[in-house]
Structure formats: structure tokens, C-alpha cells
Amino acid sequence: MSDNVYKKIEIVGSSTTSIEDAIENAISRAGESLDNLGWFEVTETRGYIEDGKVIHYQVTLKIGFTLED
């Protein structure tokens, strides 16, 4: 294992479909502006209810990536 340095950020993804889709949306968007994404951790999950049905999902993620030399 090399002596890498990592950075960790926190972002929030959302979806009207599912928690998994909210995670994928967040990671996909982060990958557009960040390189070397390596892992993620879901720290919060929440949703919105309307008329007794879940209408929106939100997840807070910590995403880790390797800093470039």
C-alpha cells in the first residue's frame, strides 16, 4: 500500500425514486468535478411524505478520494 493522502467531503444526494438512486446521483455528480473517488459512507437518510406516501428521498454521504501528487 502506498503512502496516499485522502480528502473527505460531505454531500447530499436526492431522488424521487429510491435511496439507492439518491446515492448514485450524488456519486455521479461528485465524479464530474472530483477525481480518484474511492469510497462513500451514508451518514443520514431522510425522506418527505405527502398524502401518506414517500415522495422524495435524501441521503447525506461522506465521499473519500485520493489527493493527486
PDB file of N, CA and C in Angstrom:
ATOM      1  N   MET A   1       0.844  -1.170   0.000  1.00  0.00           N
ATOM      2  CA  MET A   1       0.000   0.000   0.000  1.00  0.00           C
ATOM      3  C   MET A   1       0.894   1.239   0.000  1.00  0.00           C
ATOM      4  N   SER A   2       0.594   2.191  -0.866  1.00  0.00           N
ATOM      5  CA  SER A   2       1.402   3.402  -0.944  1.00  0.00           C
ATOM      6  C   SER A   2       0.973   4.410   0.123  1.00  0.00           C
ATOM      7  N   ASP A   3       1.779   5.438   0.269  1.00  0.00           N
ATOM      8  CA  ASP A   3       1.513   6.469   1.271  1.00  0.00           C
ATOM      9  C   ASP A   3       0.664   7.582   0.678  1.00  0.00           C
ATOM     10  N   ASN A   4      -0.599   7.298   0.420  1.00  0.00           N
ATOM     11  CA  ASN A   4      -1.511   8.277  -0.157  1.00  0.00           C
ATOM     12  C   ASN A   4      -2.051   9.208   0.916  1.00  0.00           C
ATOM     13  N   VAL A   5      -2.538  10.350   0.461  1.00  0.00           N
ATOM     14  CA  VAL A   5      -3.262  11.280   1.315  1.00  0.00           C
ATOM     15  C   VAL A   5      -4.662  11.390   0.755  1.00  0.00           C
ATOM     16  N   TYR A   6      -5.641  11.373   1.641  1.00  0.00           N
ATOM     17  CA  TYR A   6      -7.039  11.361   1.232  1.00  0.00           C
ATOM     18  C   TYR A   6      -7.752  12.610   1.725  1.00  0.00           C
ATOM     19  N   LYS A   7      -8.803  12.960   1.038  1.00  0.00           N
ATOM     20  CA  LYS A   7      -9.686  14.038   1.469  1.00  0.00           C
ATOM     21  C   LYS A   7     -11.087  13.467   1.557  1.00  0.00           C
ATOM     22  N   LYS A   8     -11.870  13.986   2.503  1.00  0.00           N
ATOM     23  CA  LYS A   8     -13.229  13.520   2.695  1.00  0.00           C
ATOM     24  C   LYS A   8     -14.149  14.740   2.651  1.00  0.00           C
ATOM     25  N   ILE A   9     -15.218  14.636   1.843  1.00  0.00           N
ATOM     26  CA  ILE A   9     -16.192  15.716   1.756  1.00  0.00           C
ATOM     27  C   ILE A   9     -17.573  15.172   2.097  1.00  0.00           C
ATOM     28  N   GLU A  10     -18.489  16.075   2.356  1.00  0.00           N
ATOM     29  CA  GLU A  10     -19.863  15.671   2.647  1.00  0.00           C
ATOM     30  C   GLU A  10     -20.784  16.302   1.612  1.00  0.00           C
ATOM     31  N   ILE A  11     -21.634  15.480   1.015  1.00  0.00           N
ATOM     32  CA  ILE A  11     -22.596  15.963   0.034  1.00  0.00           C
ATOM     33  C   ILE A  11     -23.956  15.323   0.310  1.00  0.00           C
ATOM     34  N   VAL A  12     -24.992  15.864  -0.306  1.00  0.00           N
ATOM     35  CA  VAL A  12     -26.344  15.336  -0.155  1.00  0.00           C
ATOM     36  C   VAL A  12     -26.890  15.018  -1.537  1.00  0.00           C
ATOM     37  N   GLY A  13     -27.350  13.780  -1.711  1.00  0.00           N
ATOM     38  CA  GLY A  13     -27.988  13.364  -2.958  1.00  0.00           C
ATOM     39  C   GLY A  13     -29.480  13.221  -2.747  1.00  0.00           C
ATOM     40  N   SER A  14     -30.233  13.371  -3.823  1.00  0.00           N
ATOM     41  CA  SER A  14     -31.685  13.245  -3.695  1.00  0.00           C
ATOM     42  C   SER A  14     -32.266  12.520  -4.898  1.00  0.00           C
ATOM     43  N   SER A  15     -33.469  11.977  -4.699  1.00  0.00           N
ATOM     44  CA  SER A  15     -34.162  11.257  -5.758  1.00  0.00           C
ATOM     45  C   SER A  15     -35.635  11.120  -5.397  1.00  0.00           C
ATOM     46  N   THR A  16     -36.468  11.085  -6.410  1.00  0.00           N
ATOM     47  CA  THR A  16     -37.882  10.787  -6.193  1.00  0.00           C
ATOM     48  C   THR A  16     -38.143   9.292  -6.337  1.00  0.00           C
ATOM     49  N   THR A  17     -37.111   8.522  -6.698  1.00  0.00           N
ATOM     50  CA  THR A  17     -37.254   7.095  -6.963  1.00  0.00           C
ATOM     51  C   THR A  17     -36.904   6.209  -5.780  1.00  0.00           C
ATOM     52  N   SER A  18     -35.660   6.380  -5.223  1.00  0.00           N
ATOM     53  CA  SER A  18     -35.205   5.483  -4.162  1.00  0.00           C
ATOM     54  C   SER A  18     -33.979   6.047  -3.452  1.00  0.00           C
ATOM     55  N   ILE A  19     -33.661   5.457  -2.311  1.00  0.00           N
ATOM     56  CA  ILE A  19     -32.441   5.816  -1.589  1.00  0.00           C
ATOM     57  C   ILE A  19     -31.218   5.477  -2.435  1.00  0.00           C
ATOM     58  N   GLU A  20     -31.236   4.303  -3.058  1.00  0.00           N
ATOM     59  CA  GLU A  20     -30.115   3.888  -3.890  1.00  0.00           C
ATOM     60  C   GLU A  20     -29.884   4.865  -5.037  1.00  0.00           C
ATOM     61  N   ASP A  21     -30.963   5.335  -5.634  1.00  0.00           N
ATOM     62  CA  ASP A  21     -30.862   6.295  -6.727  1.00  0.00           C
ATOM     63  C   ASP A  21     -30.297   7.620  -6.223  1.00  0.00           C
ATOM     64  N   ALA A  22     -30.666   8.030  -5.035  1.00  0.00           N
ATOM     65  CA  ALA A  22     -30.120   9.254  -4.447  1.00  0.00           C
ATOM     66  C   ALA A  22     -28.612   9.127  -4.238  1.00  0.00           C
ATOM     67  N   ILE A  23     -28.159   7.960  -3.802  1.00  0.00           N
ATOM     68  CA  ILE A  23     -26.724   7.698  -3.634  1.00  0.00           C
ATOM     69  C   ILE A  23     -26.020   7.772  -4.979  1.00  0.00           C
ATOM     70  N   GLU A  24     -26.570   7.080  -5.971  1.00  0.00           N
ATOM     71  CA  GLU A  24     -25.974   7.076  -7.316  1.00  0.00           C
ATOM     72  C   GLU A  24     -25.911   8.488  -7.890  1.00  0.00           C
ATOM     73  N   ASN A  25     -26.970   9.274  -7.717  1.00  0.00           N
ATOM     74  CA  ASN A  25     -26.986  10.655  -8.217  1.00  0.00           C
ATOM     75  C   ASN A  25     -25.880  11.482  -7.584  1.00  0.00           C
ATOM     76  N   ALA A  26     -25.706  11.339  -6.279  1.00  0.00           N
ATOM     77  CA  ALA A  26     -24.681  12.098  -5.567  1.00  0.00           C
ATOM     78  C   ALA A  26     -23.279  11.715  -6.040  1.00  0.00           C
ATOM     79  N   ILE A  27     -23.020  10.437  -6.148  1.00  0.00           N
ATOM     80  CA  ILE A  27     -21.688   9.970  -6.554  1.00  0.00           C
ATOM     81  C   ILE A  27     -21.401  10.342  -8.000  1.00  0.00           C
ATOM     82  N   SER A  28     -22.394  10.194  -8.856  1.00  0.00           N
ATOM     83  CA  SER A  28     -22.224  10.555 -10.261  1.00  0.00           C
ATOM     84  C   SER A  28     -21.890  12.032 -10.416  1.00  0.00           C
ATOM     85  N   ARG A  29     -22.620  12.866  -9.700  1.00  0.00           N
ATOM     86  CA  ARG A  29     -22.378  14.312  -9.785  1.00  0.00           C
ATOM     87  C   ARG A  29     -21.018  14.670  -9.213  1.00  0.00           C
ATOM     88  N   ALA A  30     -20.637  14.084  -8.086  1.00  0.00           N
ATOM     89  CA  ALA A  30     -19.321  14.356  -7.489  1.00  0.00           C
ATOM     90  C   ALA A  30     -18.206  13.956  -8.451  1.00  0.00           C
ATOM     91  N   GLY A  31     -18.403  12.854  -9.179  1.00  0.00           N
ATOM     92  CA  GLY A  31     -17.406  12.372 -10.118  1.00  0.00           C
ATOM     93  C   GLY A  31     -17.196  13.295 -11.307  1.00  0.00           C
ATOM     94  N   GLU A  32     -18.125  14.198 -11.555  1.00  0.00           N
ATOM     95  CA  GLU A  32     -17.966  15.163 -12.648  1.00  0.00           C
ATOM     96  C   GLU A  32     -16.915  16.218 -12.334  1.00  0.00           C
ATOM     97  N   SER A  33     -16.678  16.494 -11.049  1.00  0.00           N
ATOM     98  CA  SER A  33     -15.717  17.532 -10.700  1.00  0.00           C
ATOM     99  C   SER A  33     -14.575  17.058  -9.806  1.00  0.00           C
ATOM    100  N   LEU A  34     -14.639  15.807  -9.342  1.00  0.00           N
ATOM    101  CA  LEU A  34     -13.582  15.262  -8.492  1.00  0.00           C
ATOM    102  C   LEU A  34     -13.002  14.001  -9.112  1.00  0.00           C
ATOM    103  N   ASP A  35     -11.695  13.836  -8.965  1.00  0.00           N
ATOM    104  CA  ASP A  35     -11.015  12.643  -9.461  1.00  0.00           C
ATOM    105  C   ASP A  35     -10.706  11.708  -8.296  1.00  0.00           C
ATOM    106  N   ASN A  36     -10.440  10.471  -8.630  1.00  0.00           N
ATOM    107  CA  ASN A  36      -9.945   9.476  -7.673  1.00  0.00           C
ATOM    108  C   ASN A  36     -10.912   9.163  -6.538  1.00  0.00           C
ATOM    109  N   LEU A  37     -12.229   9.166  -6.832  1.00  0.00           N
ATOM    110  CA  LEU A  37     -13.197   8.781  -5.804  1.00  0.00           C
ATOM    111  C   LEU A  37     -12.917   7.346  -5.389  1.00  0.00           C
ATOM    112  N   GLY A  38     -12.955   7.092  -4.091  1.00  0.00           N
ATOM    113  CA  GLY A  38     -12.587   5.767  -3.626  1.00  0.00           C
ATOM    114  C   GLY A  38     -13.623   5.073  -2.762  1.00  0.00           C
ATOM    115  N   TRP A  39     -14.391   5.818  -1.984  1.00  0.00           N
ATOM    116  CA  TRP A  39     -15.348   5.187  -1.075  1.00  0.00           C
ATOM    117  C   TRP A  39     -16.404   6.195  -0.664  1.00  0.00           C
ATOM    118  N   PHE A  40     -17.488   5.678  -0.109  1.00  0.00           N
ATOM    119  CA  PHE A  40     -18.519   6.555   0.442  1.00  0.00           C
ATOM    120  C   PHE A  40     -19.114   5.926   1.685  1.00  0.00           C
ATOM    121  N   GLU A  41     -19.713   6.791   2.497  1.00  0.00           N
ATOM    122  CA  GLU A  41     -20.361   6.365   3.727  1.00  0.00           C
ATOM    123  C   GLU A  41     -21.669   7.149   3.845  1.00  0.00           C
ATOM    124  N   VAL A  42     -22.779   6.459   4.003  1.00  0.00           N
ATOM    125  CA  VAL A  42     -24.064   7.128   4.208  1.00  0.00           C
ATOM    126  C   VAL A  42     -24.161   7.494   5.681  1.00  0.00           C
ATOM    127  N   THR A  43     -24.318   8.783   5.971  1.00  0.00           N
ATOM    128  CA  THR A  43     -24.381   9.238   7.361  1.00  0.00           C
ATOM    129  C   THR A  43     -25.788   9.617   7.795  1.00  0.00           C
ATOM    130  N   GLU A  44     -26.651   9.969   6.849  1.00  0.00           N
ATOM    131  CA  GLU A  44     -28.033  10.308   7.168  1.00  0.00           C
ATOM    132  C   GLU A  44     -28.937   9.875   6.020  1.00  0.00           C
ATOM    133  N   THR A  45     -30.128   9.482   6.373  1.00  0.00           N
ATOM    134  CA  THR A  45     -31.154   9.158   5.380  1.00  0.00           C
ATOM    135  C   THR A  45     -32.444   9.820   5.830  1.00  0.00           C
ATOM    136  N   ARG A  46     -33.099  10.484   4.916  1.00  0.00           N
ATOM    137  CA  ARG A  46     -34.388  11.096   5.249  1.00  0.00           C
ATOM    138  C   ARG A  46     -35.271  11.132   4.011  1.00  0.00           C
ATOM    139  N   GLY A  47     -36.527  11.386   4.216  1.00  0.00           N
ATOM    140  CA  GLY A  47     -37.462  11.446   3.101  1.00  0.00           C
ATOM    141  C   GLY A  47     -38.603  12.391   3.405  1.00  0.00           C
ATOM    142  N   TYR A  48     -39.358  12.643   2.381  1.00  0.00           N
ATOM    143  CA  TYR A  48     -40.514  13.522   2.502  1.00  0.00           C
ATOM    144  C   TYR A  48     -41.773  12.734   2.199  1.00  0.00           C
ATOM    145  N   ILE A  49     -42.802  13.016   2.976  1.00  0.00           N
ATOM    146  CA  ILE A  49     -44.071  12.290   2.868  1.00  0.00           C
ATOM    147  C   ILE A  49     -45.157  13.270   2.446  1.00  0.00           C
ATOM    148  N   GLU A  50     -45.971  12.818   1.515  1.00  0.00           N
ATOM    149  CA  GLU A  50     -47.124  13.606   1.088  1.00  0.00           C
ATOM    150  C   GLU A  50     -48.309  12.665   0.907  1.00  0.00           C
ATOM    151  N   ASP A  51     -49.402  12.985   1.538  1.00  0.00           N
ATOM    152  CA  ASP A  51     -50.608  12.154   1.461  1.00  0.00           C
ATOM    153  C   ASP A  51     -50.330  10.698   1.836  1.00  0.00           C
ATOM    154  N   GLY A  52     -49.467  10.505   2.847  1.00  0.00           N
ATOM    155  CA  GLY A  52     -49.172   9.170   3.335  1.00  0.00           C
ATOM    156  C   GLY A  52     -48.211   8.366   2.488  1.00  0.00           C
ATOM    157  N   LYS A  53     -47.599   8.990   1.466  1.00  0.00           N
ATOM    158  CA  LYS A  53     -46.663   8.281   0.591  1.00  0.00           C
ATOM    159  C   LYS A  53     -45.322   9.006   0.548  1.00  0.00           C
ATOM    160  N   VAL A  54     -44.251   8.223   0.441  1.00  0.00           N
ATOM    161  CA  VAL A  54     -42.916   8.809   0.300  1.00  0.00           C
ATOM    162  C   VAL A  54     -42.817   9.402  -1.104  1.00  0.00           C
ATOM    163  N   ILE A  55     -42.463  10.688  -1.154  1.00  0.00           N
ATOM    164  CA  ILE A  55     -42.369  11.343  -2.464  1.00  0.00           C
ATOM    165  C   ILE A  55     -40.949  11.764  -2.825  1.00  0.00           C
ATOM    166  N   HIS A  56     -40.045  11.741  -1.839  1.00  0.00           N
ATOM    167  CA  HIS A  56     -38.680  12.189  -2.124  1.00  0.00           C
ATOM    168  C   HIS A  56     -37.729  11.594  -1.091  1.00  0.00           C
ATOM    169  N   TYR A  57     -36.538  11.207  -1.545  1.00  0.00           N
ATOM    170  CA  TYR A  57     -35.508  10.635  -0.677  1.00  0.00           C
ATOM    171  C   TYR A  57     -34.293  11.555  -0.694  1.00  0.00           C
ATOM    172  N   GLN A  58     -33.625  11.686   0.457  1.00  0.00           N
ATOM    173  CA  GLN A  58     -32.363  12.406   0.560  1.00  0.00           C
ATOM    174  C   GLN A  58     -31.390  11.582   1.383  1.00  0.00           C
ATOM    175  N   VAL A  59     -30.141  11.555   0.952  1.00  0.00           N
ATOM    176  CA  VAL A  59     -29.090  10.883   1.713  1.00  0.00           C
ATOM    177  C   VAL A  59     -27.892  11.816   1.829  1.00  0.00           C
ATOM    178  N   THR A  60     -27.314  11.851   3.007  1.00  0.00           N
ATOM    179  CA  THR A  60     -26.072  12.586   3.219  1.00  0.00           C
ATOM    180  C   THR A  60     -24.942  11.569   3.150  1.00  0.00           C
ATOM    181  N   LEU A  61     -23.950  11.883   2.337  1.00  0.00           N
ATOM    182  CA  LEU A  61     -22.817  10.987   2.118  1.00  0.00           C
ATOM    183  C   LEU A  61     -21.516  11.677   2.474  1.00  0.00           C
ATOM    184  N   LYS A  62     -20.592  10.913   3.013  1.00  0.00           N
ATOM    185  CA  LYS A  62     -19.206  11.330   3.082  1.00  0.00           C
ATOM    186  C   LYS A  62     -18.509  10.562   1.971  1.00  0.00           C
ATOM    187  N   ILE A  63     -17.800  11.276   1.120  1.00  0.00           N
ATOM    188  CA  ILE A  63     -17.102  10.664  -0.003  1.00  0.00           C
ATOM    189  C   ILE A  63     -15.615  10.902   0.183  1.00  0.00           C
ATOM    190  N   GLY A  64     -14.825   9.844   0.055  1.00  0.00           N
ATOM    191  CA  GLY A  64     -13.389   9.943   0.179  1.00  0.00           C
ATOM    192  C   GLY A  64     -12.719   9.802  -1.172  1.00  0.00           C
ATOM    193  N   PHE A  65     -11.644  10.579  -1.374  1.00  0.00           N
ATOM    194  CA  PHE A  65     -10.877  10.467  -2.610  1.00  0.00           C
ATOM    195  C   PHE A  65      -9.417  10.718  -2.343  1.00  0.00           C
ATOM    196  N   THR A  66      -8.572  10.188  -3.213  1.00  0.00           N
ATOM    197  CA  THR A  66      -7.140  10.314  -3.090  1.00  0.00           C
ATOM    198  C   THR A  66      -6.693  11.639  -3.692  1.00  0.00           C
ATOM    199  N   LEU A  67      -5.887  12.381  -2.956  1.00  0.00           N
ATOM    200  CA  LEU A  67      -5.322  13.617  -3.487  1.00  0.00           C
ATOM    201  C   LEU A  67      -4.191  13.287  -4.452  1.00  0.00           C
ATOM    202  N   GLU A  68      -4.135  14.032  -5.539  1.00  0.00           N
ATOM    203  CA  GLU A  68      -3.083  13.816  -6.537  1.00  0.00           C
ATOM    204  C   GLU A  68      -1.780  14.458  -6.073  1.00  0.00           C
ATOM    205  N   ASP A  69      -0.674  13.892  -6.527  1.00  0.00           N
ATOM    206  CA  ASP A  69       0.651  14.445  -6.189  1.00  0.00           C
ATOM    207  C   ASP A  69       0.878  15.759  -6.882  1.00  0.00           C
TER     208      ASP A  69
END
